[in-house]
Protein backbone atom coordinates (compact mmCIF):
# COMPACT_ATOMS: atom_id res chain seq x y z
CA UNK A 1 220.40 57.13 147.16
CA UNK A 2 221.72 60.06 145.11
CA UNK A 3 223.19 62.95 147.06
CA UNK A 4 221.49 66.34 146.92
CA UNK A 5 222.97 69.77 147.45
CA UNK A 6 221.05 72.99 148.04
CA UNK A 7 222.10 76.62 148.45
CA UNK A 8 219.94 78.79 150.69
CA UNK A 9 220.27 82.42 149.58
CA UNK A 10 219.48 85.56 151.57
CA UNK A 11 219.79 89.09 150.25
CA UNK A 12 220.14 91.76 152.89
CA UNK A 13 220.53 95.51 153.21
CA UNK A 14 221.25 97.11 156.58
CA UNK A 15 219.15 94.75 158.70
CA UNK A 16 221.81 92.90 160.71
CA UNK A 17 219.62 92.04 163.71
CA UNK A 18 216.96 90.43 161.59
CA UNK A 19 219.55 88.71 159.41
CA UNK A 20 221.11 87.22 162.55
CA UNK A 21 217.75 85.75 163.49
CA UNK A 22 217.30 84.28 159.99
CA UNK A 23 220.73 82.66 160.07
CA UNK A 24 220.14 81.19 163.53
CA UNK A 25 216.89 79.69 162.23
CA UNK A 26 218.76 78.14 159.32
CA UNK A 27 221.44 76.75 161.63
CA UNK A 28 218.72 74.70 163.35
CA UNK A 29 217.62 73.00 160.14
CA UNK A 30 217.64 69.21 160.09
CA UNK A 31 218.68 67.61 156.81
CA UNK A 32 218.95 63.96 155.72
CA UNK A 33 222.36 62.33 155.38
CA UNK A 34 222.22 62.48 151.60
CA UNK A 35 221.55 66.25 151.59
CA UNK A 36 224.19 68.96 151.97
CA UNK A 37 223.37 72.63 152.39
CA UNK A 38 225.29 75.85 151.83
CA UNK A 39 224.11 79.26 153.01
CA UNK A 40 224.80 82.33 150.89
CA UNK A 41 224.36 85.92 152.12
CA UNK A 42 224.49 88.72 149.55
CA UNK A 43 224.89 92.13 151.18
CA UNK A 44 223.56 94.99 149.05
CA UNK A 45 225.03 97.62 151.38
CA UNK A 46 228.57 96.26 151.96
CA UNK A 47 227.97 96.86 155.66
CA UNK A 48 230.69 95.96 158.16
CA UNK A 49 228.19 95.10 160.90
CA UNK A 50 226.34 92.74 158.57
CA UNK A 51 229.59 91.05 157.55
CA UNK A 52 230.51 90.55 161.21
CA UNK A 53 227.12 88.97 161.92
CA UNK A 54 227.57 86.49 159.07
CA UNK A 55 231.12 85.59 160.08
CA UNK A 56 230.07 85.01 163.70
CA UNK A 57 227.24 82.72 162.59
CA UNK A 58 229.57 80.89 160.21
CA UNK A 59 231.81 79.88 163.13
CA UNK A 60 229.04 77.85 164.74
CA UNK A 61 226.96 76.85 161.74
CA UNK A 62 226.69 73.17 160.72
CA UNK A 63 226.59 74.45 157.13
CA UNK A 64 229.09 76.25 154.95
CA UNK A 65 228.23 79.98 155.10
CA UNK A 66 229.42 82.41 152.41
CA UNK A 67 229.27 86.20 152.58
CA UNK A 68 229.55 88.37 149.48
CA UNK A 69 228.54 91.84 148.42
CA UNK A 70 226.69 93.36 145.47
CA UNK A 71 227.61 97.00 144.83
CA UNK A 72 224.82 97.69 142.34
CA UNK A 73 221.88 98.94 144.39
CA UNK A 74 218.55 97.24 144.13
CA UNK A 75 216.85 93.95 144.87
CA UNK A 76 217.30 92.73 141.29
CA UNK A 77 221.09 92.99 141.30
CA UNK A 78 221.26 91.27 144.68
CA UNK A 79 219.01 88.41 143.55
CA UNK A 80 221.01 87.96 140.37
CA UNK A 81 224.19 87.85 142.43
CA UNK A 82 222.69 84.91 144.33
CA UNK A 83 221.95 83.17 141.04
CA UNK A 84 225.45 83.88 139.72
CA UNK A 85 227.16 82.41 142.78
CA UNK A 86 224.78 79.43 142.74
CA UNK A 87 225.50 78.62 139.09
CA UNK A 88 229.24 78.60 139.79
CA UNK A 89 228.65 76.01 142.53
CA UNK A 90 227.67 72.36 142.25
CA UNK A 91 224.32 72.82 144.00
CA UNK A 92 221.16 71.29 142.59
CA UNK A 93 218.69 73.79 144.05
CA UNK A 94 218.65 77.47 144.97
CA UNK A 95 216.35 78.29 147.89
CA UNK A 96 215.39 81.90 148.62
CA UNK A 97 214.37 83.24 152.02
CA UNK A 98 214.15 86.92 153.04
CA UNK A 99 216.25 88.49 155.80
CA UNK A 100 213.11 89.39 157.80
CA UNK A 101 211.97 85.75 157.88
CA UNK A 102 212.87 82.50 159.60
CA UNK A 103 211.73 78.89 159.07
CA UNK A 104 208.65 77.90 161.05
CA UNK A 105 210.33 74.63 162.02
CA UNK A 106 213.60 72.77 161.53
CA UNK A 107 212.26 70.67 158.61
CA UNK A 108 211.76 73.62 156.23
CA UNK A 109 214.62 72.86 153.83
CA UNK A 110 213.89 69.15 153.88
CA UNK A 111 210.19 69.72 153.13
CA UNK A 112 210.98 71.87 150.09
CA UNK A 113 213.42 69.31 148.69
CA UNK A 114 211.10 66.37 149.36
CA UNK A 115 208.25 68.20 147.64
CA UNK A 116 210.44 68.82 144.60
CA UNK A 117 211.10 65.11 144.38
CA UNK A 118 207.49 64.10 145.05
CA UNK A 119 205.99 66.37 142.37
CA UNK A 120 208.97 66.21 139.99
CA UNK A 121 208.79 70.00 140.10
CA UNK A 122 210.97 72.65 138.55
CA UNK A 123 209.97 75.09 141.28
CA UNK A 124 208.52 74.68 144.77
CA UNK A 125 206.90 77.52 146.66
CA UNK A 126 205.25 77.89 150.05
CA UNK A 127 203.55 80.60 152.06
CA UNK A 128 204.60 83.20 154.61
CA UNK A 129 203.08 83.62 158.05
CA UNK A 130 203.21 87.22 159.25
CA UNK A 131 203.74 88.26 162.86
CA UNK A 132 203.89 91.86 163.98
CA UNK A 133 206.83 93.73 165.38
CA UNK A 134 206.16 95.02 168.89
CA UNK A 135 203.10 97.34 168.93
CA UNK A 136 202.28 96.65 165.26
CA UNK A 137 198.49 96.98 164.86
CA UNK A 138 196.78 93.65 164.23
CA UNK A 139 194.75 94.92 161.25
CA UNK A 140 197.97 95.38 159.26
CA UNK A 141 199.44 92.00 160.22
CA UNK A 142 196.23 90.25 159.13
CA UNK A 143 196.18 92.12 155.83
CA UNK A 144 199.74 91.73 154.55
CA UNK A 145 199.36 88.09 153.40
CA UNK A 146 195.80 87.17 154.32
CA UNK A 147 194.74 83.53 154.32
CA UNK A 148 196.88 80.99 152.51
CA UNK A 149 194.91 80.10 149.33
CA UNK A 150 196.94 77.01 148.37
CA UNK A 151 196.61 73.31 149.11
CA UNK A 152 199.39 70.74 149.26
CA UNK A 153 200.54 69.75 145.78
CA UNK A 154 198.59 72.49 144.03
CA UNK A 155 200.10 73.74 140.80
CA UNK A 156 200.65 77.50 140.58
CA UNK A 157 201.87 79.94 137.96
CA UNK A 158 202.67 82.73 140.44
CA UNK A 159 205.39 82.64 143.09
CA UNK A 160 207.74 84.98 144.91
CA UNK A 161 211.26 84.76 146.31
CA UNK A 162 210.25 85.04 149.97
CA UNK A 163 209.96 81.23 150.19
CA UNK A 164 211.06 79.48 147.03
CA UNK A 165 213.07 76.53 145.70
CA UNK A 166 214.32 76.70 142.11
CA UNK A 167 215.97 73.86 140.20
CA UNK A 168 219.29 74.48 138.50
CA UNK A 169 217.95 73.84 135.00
CA UNK A 170 215.47 76.73 135.39
CA UNK A 171 218.17 79.24 136.27
CA UNK A 172 220.43 77.96 133.51
CA UNK A 173 217.73 78.66 130.93
CA UNK A 174 215.84 81.70 132.27
CA UNK A 175 218.72 84.14 132.25
CA UNK A 176 219.24 86.67 133.59
CA UNK A 177 216.70 85.48 136.12
CA UNK A 178 215.66 88.91 137.37
CA UNK A 179 215.17 91.87 135.07
CA UNK A 180 217.08 95.09 135.83
CA UNK A 181 214.06 97.14 134.72
CA UNK A 182 212.54 96.22 138.11
CA UNK A 183 215.63 97.28 140.09
CA UNK A 184 213.89 99.45 142.72
CA UNK A 185 210.25 98.98 141.82
CA UNK A 186 209.54 95.46 143.04
CA UNK A 187 207.71 92.79 140.99
CA UNK A 188 210.89 91.29 139.53
CA UNK A 189 209.96 87.96 141.10
CA UNK A 190 206.44 88.09 139.62
CA UNK A 191 208.03 88.84 136.25
CA UNK A 192 210.38 85.87 136.77
CA UNK A 193 207.41 83.60 137.51
CA UNK A 194 205.72 84.77 134.31
CA UNK A 195 208.84 83.97 132.27
CA UNK A 196 209.02 80.52 133.88
CA UNK A 197 205.38 79.91 132.97
CA UNK A 198 206.03 80.89 129.35
CA UNK A 199 209.02 78.51 129.34
CA UNK A 200 206.72 75.68 130.52
CA UNK A 201 208.42 75.16 133.87
CA UNK A 202 206.14 73.69 136.53
CA UNK A 203 205.72 75.15 140.01
CA UNK A 204 203.93 73.49 142.91
CA UNK A 205 202.96 74.51 146.44
CA UNK A 206 203.97 72.59 149.54
CA UNK A 207 203.21 73.27 153.19
CA UNK A 208 206.62 74.54 154.37
CA UNK A 209 205.98 78.04 155.73
CA UNK A 210 208.39 80.66 156.91
CA UNK A 211 207.55 83.36 159.45
CA UNK A 212 208.01 87.06 158.70
CA UNK A 213 208.18 89.93 161.14
CA UNK A 214 206.03 92.76 159.80
CA UNK A 215 207.58 96.09 160.89
CA UNK A 216 205.48 98.72 162.62
CA UNK A 217 206.81 101.36 160.20
CA UNK A 218 204.87 99.68 157.39
CA UNK A 219 201.60 99.42 159.32
CA UNK A 220 200.00 102.50 157.80
CA UNK A 221 197.18 102.93 155.33
CA UNK A 222 199.49 105.02 153.16
CA UNK A 223 202.04 102.18 152.90
CA UNK A 224 199.36 99.67 151.85
CA UNK A 225 197.97 102.06 149.24
CA UNK A 226 201.44 102.58 147.78
CA UNK A 227 202.05 98.84 147.80
CA UNK A 228 198.79 98.23 145.97
CA UNK A 229 199.65 100.92 143.42
CA UNK A 230 203.13 99.44 142.92
CA UNK A 231 201.87 95.88 142.59
CA UNK A 232 199.42 96.96 139.90
CA UNK A 233 202.18 98.69 137.96
CA UNK A 234 204.44 95.65 138.33
CA UNK A 235 201.74 93.35 137.01
CA UNK A 236 201.21 95.50 133.93
CA UNK A 237 204.89 96.02 133.16
CA UNK A 238 205.55 92.27 133.49
CA UNK A 239 202.89 91.37 130.95
CA UNK A 240 203.87 94.18 128.58
CA UNK A 241 207.45 92.87 128.59
CA UNK A 242 206.45 89.23 127.97
CA UNK A 243 203.31 89.27 125.84
CA UNK A 244 202.12 90.79 122.59
CA UNK A 245 200.94 94.38 123.16
CA UNK A 246 197.28 93.82 122.29
CA UNK A 247 197.03 90.73 124.52
CA UNK A 248 198.84 92.46 127.40
CA UNK A 249 196.70 95.61 127.22
CA UNK A 250 193.47 93.60 127.11
CA UNK A 251 194.60 91.45 130.04
CA UNK A 252 195.55 94.48 132.12
CA UNK A 253 192.33 96.37 131.40
CA UNK A 254 190.31 93.31 132.41
CA UNK A 255 192.38 92.77 135.56
CA UNK A 256 192.00 96.43 136.51
CA UNK A 257 188.22 96.13 136.28
CA UNK A 258 188.22 92.98 138.41
CA UNK A 259 190.47 94.56 141.05
CA UNK A 260 188.40 97.72 141.16
CA UNK A 261 185.14 95.80 141.55
CA UNK A 262 186.56 93.62 144.32
CA UNK A 263 187.99 96.69 146.00
CA UNK A 264 184.58 98.38 146.10
CA UNK A 265 183.00 95.23 147.53
CA UNK A 266 185.63 94.93 150.27
CA UNK A 267 185.32 98.63 151.04
CA UNK A 268 181.55 98.37 151.43
CA UNK A 269 181.86 95.23 153.54
CA UNK A 270 184.44 96.90 155.77
CA UNK A 271 182.19 99.91 156.23
CA UNK A 272 179.24 97.75 157.25
CA UNK A 273 181.23 95.52 159.61
CA UNK A 274 183.56 98.28 160.90
CA UNK A 275 186.48 96.01 160.07
CA UNK A 276 189.62 98.03 159.32
CA UNK A 277 191.46 95.11 157.72
CA UNK A 278 188.63 94.61 155.22
CA UNK A 279 188.32 98.34 154.50
CA UNK A 280 192.03 98.83 153.85
CA UNK A 281 192.02 95.67 151.74
CA UNK A 282 189.40 97.35 149.58
CA UNK A 283 191.50 100.49 149.24
CA UNK A 284 194.55 98.35 148.45
CA UNK A 285 192.71 96.64 145.60
CA UNK A 286 191.41 99.94 144.21
CA UNK A 287 194.96 101.34 144.22
CA UNK A 288 196.16 98.15 142.54
CA UNK A 289 193.51 98.67 139.84
CA UNK A 290 194.74 102.23 139.31
CA UNK A 291 198.36 101.04 139.18
CA UNK A 292 197.42 98.40 136.61
CA UNK A 293 196.13 101.17 134.34
CA UNK A 294 198.91 103.73 134.82
CA UNK A 295 201.48 101.01 134.20
CA UNK A 296 200.31 101.03 130.60
CA UNK A 297 201.79 104.53 130.32
CA UNK A 298 205.25 103.61 131.57
CA UNK A 299 204.83 105.04 135.08
CA UNK A 300 206.98 103.41 137.78
CA UNK A 301 206.96 103.57 141.58
CA UNK A 302 210.12 102.89 143.61
CA UNK A 303 208.82 101.12 146.70
CA UNK A 304 212.24 100.07 148.01
CA UNK A 305 213.76 103.52 148.50
CA UNK A 306 213.25 103.22 152.28
CA UNK A 307 214.61 100.41 154.46
CA UNK A 308 212.21 99.01 157.05
CA UNK A 309 213.35 96.83 159.95
CA UNK A 310 216.61 96.27 161.76
């Protein structure tokens, strides 16, 4: 049986306690004899405490753990640093997980790799299960990801780097993987998925979830409205960058109408049922519709200017 090597990449910025939890979860992963795993941590803050956490974990980890820094601020530069280090290695797959997440069980890495083999996939994605930080209101935890819409083996054109396996050939061809125009705005991973789709790479879903701690500081209506607004802008900018202007504008106008209509329906349903999750979901979708329109005028929103979590 051919040997397989994977690099699990984590970008982090001043969240050493949560990063420590992520790394401990990775240390517990069980991998077949023919599979070797490296762990890569890219620190976007060059933080001494974070470096110490990684070095302490490396001493007891069954895997090779590498710590490096990325001085250019922003999630895009940090993600591209992961890709750069990966491409200089001999790994077959790059696996992304966020520093506020941890694998639901010790077969997470193995499940992603086995799914890649089973579906002969270029990319494998899975979902995120949200749990609240202490005293985080339940309405916000329920809303952040909602119900998982995918089934095992389902093909998808949209994926994000919070739980993702990417084959080497994809990252060798789609370069740079993440666009610097999304440095602080978010949506660089959606834009990456769009570029992969246009390059005819195939992505599939498998049931290999990770768990995310949703911070109480984000559990506000204002945060969800801003997130909806930002996601709408990111959608529009992605399609404007990758499609012909007329096609992109038509697509975005249509999507804005759909999002607005759904938002009104959710808002009405939430009002009738007195369900806060449903009501805020409606407001989120309306803000996303607005963001989809204003994105056509070059407006950006920097969602990642504040660090949440620890």
